[in-house]
Amino acid sequence: MTDPTLRVRDLDESELLARIFPLLPTGAGVDVGPGDDAAVVRADDGRVVVSTDVLVEGRHFRRDWSTGYDVGHRAAVQNLADIAAMGARPTSLVVSLVVPDDLPVDWVTGFARGLADATTPVGAVVVGGDLSGGDAVVAAVTVHGDLQGRAPALRSGARPGDVVAHAGVLGASAAGLDLLRAGAASPADGAPGAPGALAPYVAAYLRPEAPLAAGPAAAEAGATAMLDVSDGLLRDAGRLAKASGVTVDLSSGLLSRDVTALVPAAVELAVVTDDPAGTQRSHGWVLSGGEDHGLLATFDPQVAERGLPPGFRPIGEVTVAGEGGARVLLDGDEPDIPPGWDHFRP
């Protein structure tokens, strides 16, 4: 750790980069890494899967809740999950970071460590990026992936009769965010190794974990459609339904274990806010909560009969196509709650 009083303004750009580069992962597949005008990476498949995402202070995270490590980890995971959702293996990242001049240098190096700890387990490396000053922290990450000979898993291939399946958790991040907002939990509750019943929810918001290996496995198994659940199950299922021209019918019975897993958070929130109805929030978190970065996929029923890929479990089915399609239902009816996060609407 550096001197905690050291600020970004106390270093020039080269000095700050010199503290960042040694913390970032490097590895095979990179001919030219950080330090030149551009990186050179190999694409053995002949195709490159590319995605990008951005985190904006005050919109996507708060510095009084999230450490630099948290934001770096989260920035990596949300991008890695998009690559996995295409059925690809993440290979390299380009990271741009905007920082205020009064930001502690420890925050910046923590960000780099968070990136490294999220990317190293999947063999992805950071190959470059940009650094700039600004009024708030902004982290923009572009990630590349390798299909390894597989066809990409798109949103548009779901067919009537397919089984709808999910890998990962649902609603935990949203529960953690609501606990923090209400003062029912503190960021310390989500620190690594923190005890207590609320720790998993707060940690899921601060540092989500995505089932990255499940994406390529689903593609190998013949997933007909797939996407990352980042904005809520209903909203993202709706995107799959629209792209495929089908109706996705989710099952509350198959989702009941997810609801049950969030009951302790809902009960605590109800107590703190003195709102008995708060005990019912677990249902909404599962259906509308985002940023867990699980994977939603559809599979031919014969694939499901043989056994879904590791990590996936059924949560519904694909029904009609064409007229009356492009909808999401819950037990055959229209859900009566908002579908999830939209960047440009409350």
Protein backbone atom coordinates (compact mmCIF):
# COMPACT_ATOMS: atom_id res chain seq x y z
CA MET A 1 0.00 0.00 0.00
CA THR A 2 1.21 3.49 -0.79
CA ASP A 3 1.09 6.52 1.46
CA PRO A 4 -2.67 7.00 2.09
CA THR A 5 -2.22 10.77 1.88
CA LEU A 6 -0.82 10.54 -1.67
CA ARG A 7 -3.25 11.94 -4.25
CA VAL A 8 -3.44 11.65 -8.01
CA ARG A 9 -2.35 15.29 -8.31
CA ASP A 10 0.90 14.43 -6.52
CA LEU A 11 2.02 12.27 -9.46
CA ASP A 12 2.37 12.86 -13.17
CA GLU A 13 0.72 10.48 -15.64
CA SER A 14 3.84 8.36 -16.17
CA GLU A 15 4.34 7.95 -12.43
CA LEU A 16 0.72 6.89 -11.91
CA LEU A 17 0.89 4.41 -14.79
CA ALA A 18 4.11 3.00 -13.36
CA ARG A 19 2.14 2.11 -10.23
CA ILE A 20 -0.71 0.54 -12.22
CA PHE A 21 1.05 -1.58 -14.86
CA PRO A 22 2.78 -4.02 -12.49
CA LEU A 23 -0.58 -4.88 -10.93
CA LEU A 24 -2.28 -5.86 -14.20
CA PRO A 25 -2.33 -9.45 -15.49
CA THR A 26 -0.32 -10.42 -18.54
CA GLY A 27 -0.28 -13.70 -20.40
CA ALA A 28 -0.23 -15.67 -23.62
CA GLY A 29 -1.89 -14.41 -26.78
CA VAL A 30 -0.44 -10.91 -26.50
CA ASP A 31 2.34 -9.90 -28.89
CA VAL A 32 2.47 -6.27 -27.74
CA GLY A 33 1.06 -5.20 -24.38
CA PRO A 34 0.78 -1.85 -22.58
CA GLY A 35 3.33 0.82 -23.43
CA ASP A 36 2.92 1.34 -27.19
CA ASP A 37 0.31 3.29 -29.13
CA ALA A 38 -1.78 0.14 -29.41
CA ALA A 39 -1.71 -3.47 -28.30
CA VAL A 40 -1.30 -6.45 -30.59
CA VAL A 41 -3.22 -9.58 -29.63
CA ARG A 42 -3.63 -12.86 -31.47
CA ALA A 43 -7.04 -14.12 -32.59
CA ASP A 44 -6.54 -17.83 -33.14
CA ASP A 45 -10.17 -18.40 -34.08
CA GLY A 46 -10.00 -15.74 -36.81
CA ARG A 47 -12.95 -13.93 -35.23
CA VAL A 48 -12.94 -11.52 -32.28
CA VAL A 49 -15.87 -11.07 -29.91
CA VAL A 50 -15.96 -7.48 -28.60
CA SER A 51 -18.04 -5.75 -25.94
CA THR A 52 -17.74 -2.57 -23.91
CA ASP A 53 -19.32 -1.12 -20.80
CA VAL A 54 -18.88 1.90 -18.56
CA LEU A 55 -19.23 2.68 -14.85
CA VAL A 56 -19.93 6.30 -13.85
CA GLU A 57 -19.49 7.54 -10.31
CA GLY A 58 -22.79 8.73 -8.84
CA ARG A 59 -24.75 6.74 -11.42
CA HIS A 60 -23.42 3.20 -11.11
CA PHE A 61 -21.43 3.35 -7.88
CA ARG A 62 -20.68 5.55 -4.89
CA ARG A 63 -17.17 5.97 -3.55
CA ASP A 64 -18.42 6.03 0.04
CA TRP A 65 -19.71 2.49 -0.56
CA SER A 66 -17.27 1.06 -3.10
CA THR A 67 -13.50 0.86 -2.82
CA GLY A 68 -11.27 1.10 -5.87
CA TYR A 69 -10.90 -2.68 -5.67
CA ASP A 70 -14.70 -3.11 -5.74
CA VAL A 71 -15.10 -0.90 -8.80
CA GLY A 72 -12.24 -2.58 -10.66
CA HIS A 73 -13.67 -6.02 -9.95
CA ARG A 74 -17.15 -4.97 -10.96
CA ALA A 75 -15.96 -3.25 -14.15
CA ALA A 76 -14.21 -6.44 -15.20
CA VAL A 77 -17.02 -8.85 -14.33
CA GLN A 78 -19.77 -6.98 -16.13
CA ASN A 79 -17.70 -7.04 -19.32
CA LEU A 80 -16.45 -10.60 -18.96
CA ALA A 81 -20.06 -11.76 -18.56
CA ASP A 82 -21.01 -10.25 -21.92
CA ILE A 83 -18.29 -12.28 -23.63
CA ALA A 84 -19.34 -15.46 -21.82
CA ALA A 85 -22.94 -14.81 -22.89
CA MET A 86 -21.80 -15.07 -26.52
CA GLY A 87 -20.32 -18.49 -25.78
CA ALA A 88 -16.77 -17.14 -25.92
CA ARG A 89 -13.75 -17.15 -23.62
CA PRO A 90 -12.57 -13.69 -22.52
CA THR A 91 -9.01 -12.99 -23.66
CA SER A 92 -8.03 -9.33 -23.27
CA LEU A 93 -9.29 -6.02 -21.92
CA VAL A 94 -8.61 -2.37 -22.70
CA VAL A 95 -9.37 -0.09 -19.76
CA SER A 96 -9.88 3.69 -19.71
CA LEU A 97 -10.07 5.46 -16.37
CA VAL A 98 -11.04 9.05 -15.58
CA VAL A 99 -9.98 10.20 -12.11
CA PRO A 100 -10.31 13.45 -10.11
CA ASP A 101 -6.98 14.96 -9.03
CA ASP A 102 -7.85 14.59 -5.33
CA LEU A 103 -8.47 10.84 -5.62
CA PRO A 104 -6.11 8.80 -3.40
CA VAL A 105 -3.53 6.86 -5.37
CA ASP A 106 -4.45 3.85 -3.23
CA TRP A 107 -7.91 3.95 -4.80
CA VAL A 108 -6.40 3.74 -8.29
CA THR A 109 -4.04 0.89 -7.44
CA GLY A 110 -6.94 -0.87 -5.70
CA PHE A 111 -8.91 -0.54 -8.93
CA ALA A 112 -6.07 -2.26 -10.80
CA ARG A 113 -5.95 -5.07 -8.23
CA GLY A 114 -9.71 -5.58 -8.53
CA LEU A 115 -9.39 -5.84 -12.30
CA ALA A 116 -6.54 -8.33 -11.96
CA ASP A 117 -8.30 -10.55 -9.45
CA ALA A 118 -11.42 -10.75 -11.63
CA THR A 119 -9.62 -11.42 -14.91
CA THR A 120 -6.76 -13.71 -13.90
CA PRO A 121 -8.92 -16.78 -13.08
CA VAL A 122 -10.30 -16.84 -16.64
CA GLY A 123 -6.95 -16.18 -18.29
CA ALA A 124 -7.86 -12.71 -19.58
CA VAL A 125 -5.22 -9.97 -19.60
CA VAL A 126 -5.23 -6.17 -19.63
CA VAL A 127 -3.42 -4.95 -22.75
CA GLY A 128 -3.75 -1.16 -22.49
CA GLY A 129 -6.16 1.72 -22.21
CA ASP A 130 -6.17 5.40 -21.31
CA LEU A 131 -5.92 7.61 -18.25
CA SER A 132 -7.47 11.05 -17.92
CA GLY A 133 -8.43 13.61 -15.34
CA GLY A 134 -12.02 14.63 -14.67
CA ASP A 135 -14.55 15.69 -12.06
CA ALA A 136 -15.72 12.14 -11.23
CA VAL A 137 -14.45 8.60 -11.60
CA VAL A 138 -15.45 6.95 -14.88
CA ALA A 139 -14.26 3.45 -15.81
CA ALA A 140 -14.74 2.25 -19.38
CA VAL A 141 -13.73 -1.30 -20.27
CA THR A 142 -13.62 -2.97 -23.67
CA VAL A 143 -13.19 -6.74 -23.62
CA HIS A 144 -12.31 -9.19 -26.37
CA GLY A 145 -13.12 -12.87 -26.57
CA ASP A 146 -12.30 -16.04 -28.48
CA LEU A 147 -15.06 -18.33 -29.77
CA GLN A 148 -12.58 -21.21 -30.08
CA GLY A 149 -14.32 -22.52 -33.18
CA ARG A 150 -17.86 -22.28 -31.77
CA ALA A 151 -20.75 -20.45 -33.37
CA PRO A 152 -21.69 -17.36 -31.32
CA ALA A 153 -24.69 -17.74 -29.03
CA LEU A 154 -27.12 -14.99 -30.04
CA ARG A 155 -30.30 -13.65 -28.49
CA SER A 156 -32.29 -14.47 -31.59
CA GLY A 157 -32.37 -18.26 -31.75
CA ALA A 158 -34.96 -19.28 -29.14
CA ARG A 159 -37.75 -21.49 -30.46
CA PRO A 160 -41.14 -22.60 -29.13
CA GLY A 161 -40.68 -25.63 -26.93
CA ASP A 162 -37.20 -24.61 -25.75
CA VAL A 163 -36.39 -24.81 -22.06
CA VAL A 164 -35.46 -21.47 -20.46
CA ALA A 165 -32.54 -21.88 -18.06
CA HIS A 166 -30.39 -19.67 -15.86
CA ALA A 167 -26.90 -19.94 -14.41
CA GLY A 168 -25.79 -17.82 -11.45
CA VAL A 169 -27.76 -15.96 -8.81
CA LEU A 170 -30.82 -13.74 -9.15
CA GLY A 171 -31.63 -10.68 -7.06
CA ALA A 172 -28.71 -10.73 -4.63
CA SER A 173 -27.09 -7.56 -6.00
CA ALA A 174 -30.39 -5.66 -5.91
CA ALA A 175 -30.95 -6.82 -2.34
CA GLY A 176 -27.49 -5.57 -1.36
CA LEU A 177 -28.13 -2.19 -2.99
CA ASP A 178 -31.46 -1.74 -1.19
CA LEU A 179 -29.87 -2.70 2.14
CA LEU A 180 -27.16 -0.08 1.65
CA ARG A 181 -29.65 2.58 0.55
CA ALA A 182 -31.80 1.99 3.64
CA GLY A 183 -28.85 1.94 6.03
CA ALA A 184 -29.73 -1.63 6.96
CA ALA A 185 -26.19 -2.66 6.01
CA SER A 186 -22.84 -0.94 5.54
CA PRO A 187 -20.10 -1.52 2.97
CA ALA A 188 -18.13 -3.27 5.72
CA ASP A 189 -20.82 -5.98 5.72
CA GLY A 190 -19.72 -6.88 2.19
CA ALA A 191 -15.98 -6.95 2.83
CA PRO A 192 -14.24 -10.26 2.04
CA GLY A 193 -14.75 -12.62 4.95
CA ALA A 194 -17.28 -10.37 6.68
CA PRO A 195 -19.58 -12.30 9.03
CA GLY A 196 -23.32 -11.94 9.29
CA ALA A 197 -26.43 -12.86 7.35
CA LEU A 198 -26.31 -9.73 5.17
CA ALA A 199 -22.74 -10.21 3.93
CA PRO A 200 -23.60 -12.24 0.79
CA TYR A 201 -26.05 -9.61 -0.46
CA VAL A 202 -23.80 -6.60 0.07
CA ALA A 203 -20.84 -8.47 -1.45
CA ALA A 204 -22.99 -9.41 -4.46
CA TYR A 205 -23.65 -5.73 -5.12
CA LEU A 206 -20.10 -4.51 -4.51
CA ARG A 207 -18.28 -7.38 -6.25
CA PRO A 208 -20.64 -9.55 -8.34
CA GLU A 209 -19.45 -12.99 -9.46
CA ALA A 210 -20.53 -14.22 -12.88
CA PRO A 211 -20.65 -17.89 -13.97
CA LEU A 212 -18.19 -17.26 -16.79
CA ALA A 213 -17.38 -20.89 -17.56
CA ALA A 214 -21.08 -21.60 -18.05
CA GLY A 215 -21.23 -19.49 -21.23
CA PRO A 216 -18.88 -21.56 -23.41
CA ALA A 217 -20.34 -24.72 -21.88
CA ALA A 218 -23.84 -23.65 -22.90
CA ALA A 219 -22.68 -22.88 -26.43
CA GLU A 220 -20.98 -26.27 -26.66
CA ALA A 221 -24.22 -27.91 -25.50
CA GLY A 222 -26.19 -26.19 -28.25
CA ALA A 223 -27.87 -23.25 -26.50
CA THR A 224 -30.31 -21.77 -28.99
CA ALA A 225 -30.10 -18.28 -27.44
CA MET A 226 -28.25 -16.64 -24.55
CA LEU A 227 -27.57 -13.30 -22.89
CA ASP A 228 -26.15 -11.78 -19.72
CA VAL A 229 -28.74 -10.81 -17.09
CA SER A 230 -27.51 -7.34 -16.18
CA ASP A 231 -30.69 -5.23 -16.09
CA GLY A 232 -33.15 -7.62 -14.45
CA LEU A 233 -34.56 -11.02 -15.38
CA LEU A 234 -37.80 -9.66 -16.84
CA ARG A 235 -36.12 -6.96 -18.90
CA ASP A 236 -33.39 -9.22 -20.27
CA ALA A 237 -35.79 -12.09 -20.92
CA GLY A 238 -37.83 -9.52 -22.83
CA ARG A 239 -34.80 -8.70 -24.98
CA LEU A 240 -34.35 -12.38 -25.78
CA ALA A 241 -38.05 -12.75 -26.52
CA LYS A 242 -38.04 -9.72 -28.84
CA ALA A 243 -34.91 -10.82 -30.71
CA SER A 244 -36.29 -14.33 -31.17
CA GLY A 245 -39.92 -13.37 -31.80
CA VAL A 246 -41.18 -15.69 -29.07
CA THR A 247 -42.90 -15.63 -25.70
CA VAL A 248 -40.84 -16.54 -22.65
CA ASP A 249 -42.97 -17.93 -19.83
CA LEU A 250 -41.14 -17.97 -16.50
CA SER A 251 -42.20 -20.24 -13.65
CA SER A 252 -42.61 -18.82 -10.15
CA GLY A 253 -42.28 -22.36 -8.80
CA LEU A 254 -38.89 -22.82 -10.45
CA LEU A 255 -37.82 -19.39 -9.17
CA SER A 256 -39.00 -20.01 -5.61
CA ARG A 257 -35.57 -21.03 -4.35
CA ASP A 258 -34.17 -17.68 -5.52
CA VAL A 259 -36.94 -15.84 -3.68
CA THR A 260 -36.34 -17.89 -0.54
CA ALA A 261 -32.61 -17.15 -0.62
CA LEU A 262 -33.36 -13.42 -0.38
CA VAL A 263 -35.88 -13.59 2.48
CA PRO A 264 -33.31 -12.73 5.22
CA ALA A 265 -32.45 -9.51 3.38
CA ALA A 266 -36.11 -8.65 2.89
CA VAL A 267 -36.92 -9.27 6.57
CA GLU A 268 -34.03 -7.06 7.71
CA LEU A 269 -35.08 -4.32 5.33
CA ALA A 270 -38.66 -4.47 6.60
CA VAL A 271 -37.47 -4.09 10.20
CA VAL A 272 -35.15 -1.18 9.48
CA THR A 273 -37.68 0.70 7.33
CA ASP A 274 -40.63 -0.23 9.58
CA ASP A 275 -42.46 -1.45 6.49
CA PRO A 276 -44.10 -4.88 6.89
CA ALA A 277 -44.59 -5.04 3.12
CA GLY A 278 -40.81 -5.02 2.77
CA THR A 279 -40.76 -8.74 3.50
CA GLN A 280 -42.20 -9.24 0.01
CA ARG A 281 -39.34 -7.49 -1.77
CA SER A 282 -37.47 -10.72 -2.44
CA HIS A 283 -39.94 -11.50 -5.24
CA GLY A 284 -39.22 -8.18 -6.95
CA TRP A 285 -35.47 -8.52 -6.52
CA VAL A 286 -35.49 -11.86 -8.34
CA LEU A 287 -37.60 -10.61 -11.26
CA SER A 288 -36.39 -7.02 -11.62
CA GLY A 289 -33.05 -6.79 -9.85
CA GLY A 290 -30.01 -6.46 -12.08
CA GLU A 291 -26.21 -6.62 -11.95
CA ASP A 292 -25.91 -10.22 -10.78
CA HIS A 293 -24.54 -11.02 -14.27
CA GLY A 294 -25.93 -14.51 -14.47
CA LEU A 295 -26.61 -16.10 -17.85
CA LEU A 296 -30.06 -16.67 -19.33
CA ALA A 297 -30.19 -19.29 -22.08
CA THR A 298 -32.63 -21.44 -24.00
CA PHE A 299 -32.08 -25.08 -24.92
CA ASP A 300 -33.80 -27.64 -27.09
CA PRO A 301 -35.87 -29.91 -24.79
CA GLN A 302 -33.82 -32.92 -25.87
CA VAL A 303 -30.69 -31.18 -24.57
CA ALA A 304 -32.48 -30.50 -21.29
CA GLU A 305 -33.54 -34.15 -21.03
CA ARG A 306 -29.93 -35.26 -21.39
CA GLY A 307 -28.90 -32.72 -18.76
CA LEU A 308 -28.32 -28.98 -18.90
CA PRO A 309 -24.71 -27.74 -18.84
CA PRO A 310 -23.14 -27.37 -15.37
CA GLY A 311 -24.52 -24.38 -13.48
CA PHE A 312 -27.77 -24.08 -15.45
CA ARG A 313 -31.22 -24.97 -14.16
CA PRO A 314 -34.65 -24.59 -15.78
CA ILE A 315 -36.75 -21.54 -14.88
CA GLY A 316 -39.38 -21.55 -17.63
CA GLU A 317 -40.17 -22.34 -21.25
CA VAL A 318 -40.45 -20.73 -24.65
CA THR A 319 -43.99 -20.81 -26.00
CA VAL A 320 -45.55 -19.17 -29.06
CA ALA A 321 -43.73 -17.49 -31.94
CA GLY A 322 -44.97 -14.92 -34.43
CA GLU A 323 -48.26 -13.23 -33.58
CA GLY A 324 -48.56 -12.81 -29.85
CA GLY A 325 -44.84 -13.40 -29.40
CA ALA A 326 -42.05 -11.19 -28.07
CA ARG A 327 -43.46 -11.18 -24.52
CA VAL A 328 -42.41 -12.29 -21.08
CA LEU A 329 -45.00 -13.99 -18.88
CA LEU A 330 -44.92 -15.32 -15.34
CA ASP A 331 -46.99 -18.49 -14.93
CA GLY A 332 -48.86 -17.56 -18.10
CA ASP A 333 -49.79 -14.02 -17.03
CA GLU A 334 -48.29 -10.58 -17.51
CA PRO A 335 -46.02 -9.72 -14.53
CA ASP A 336 -47.36 -6.87 -12.43
CA ILE A 337 -43.99 -5.32 -11.50
CA PRO A 338 -41.53 -3.08 -13.40
CA PRO A 339 -39.22 -5.19 -15.58
CA GLY A 340 -35.88 -3.82 -14.37
CA TRP A 341 -33.18 -1.21 -14.94
CA ASP A 342 -33.22 1.32 -17.78
CA HIS A 343 -30.34 3.80 -18.07
CA PHE A 344 -32.61 6.63 -19.23
CA ARG A 345 -35.72 6.14 -17.14
CA PRO A 346 -36.32 6.22 -13.36
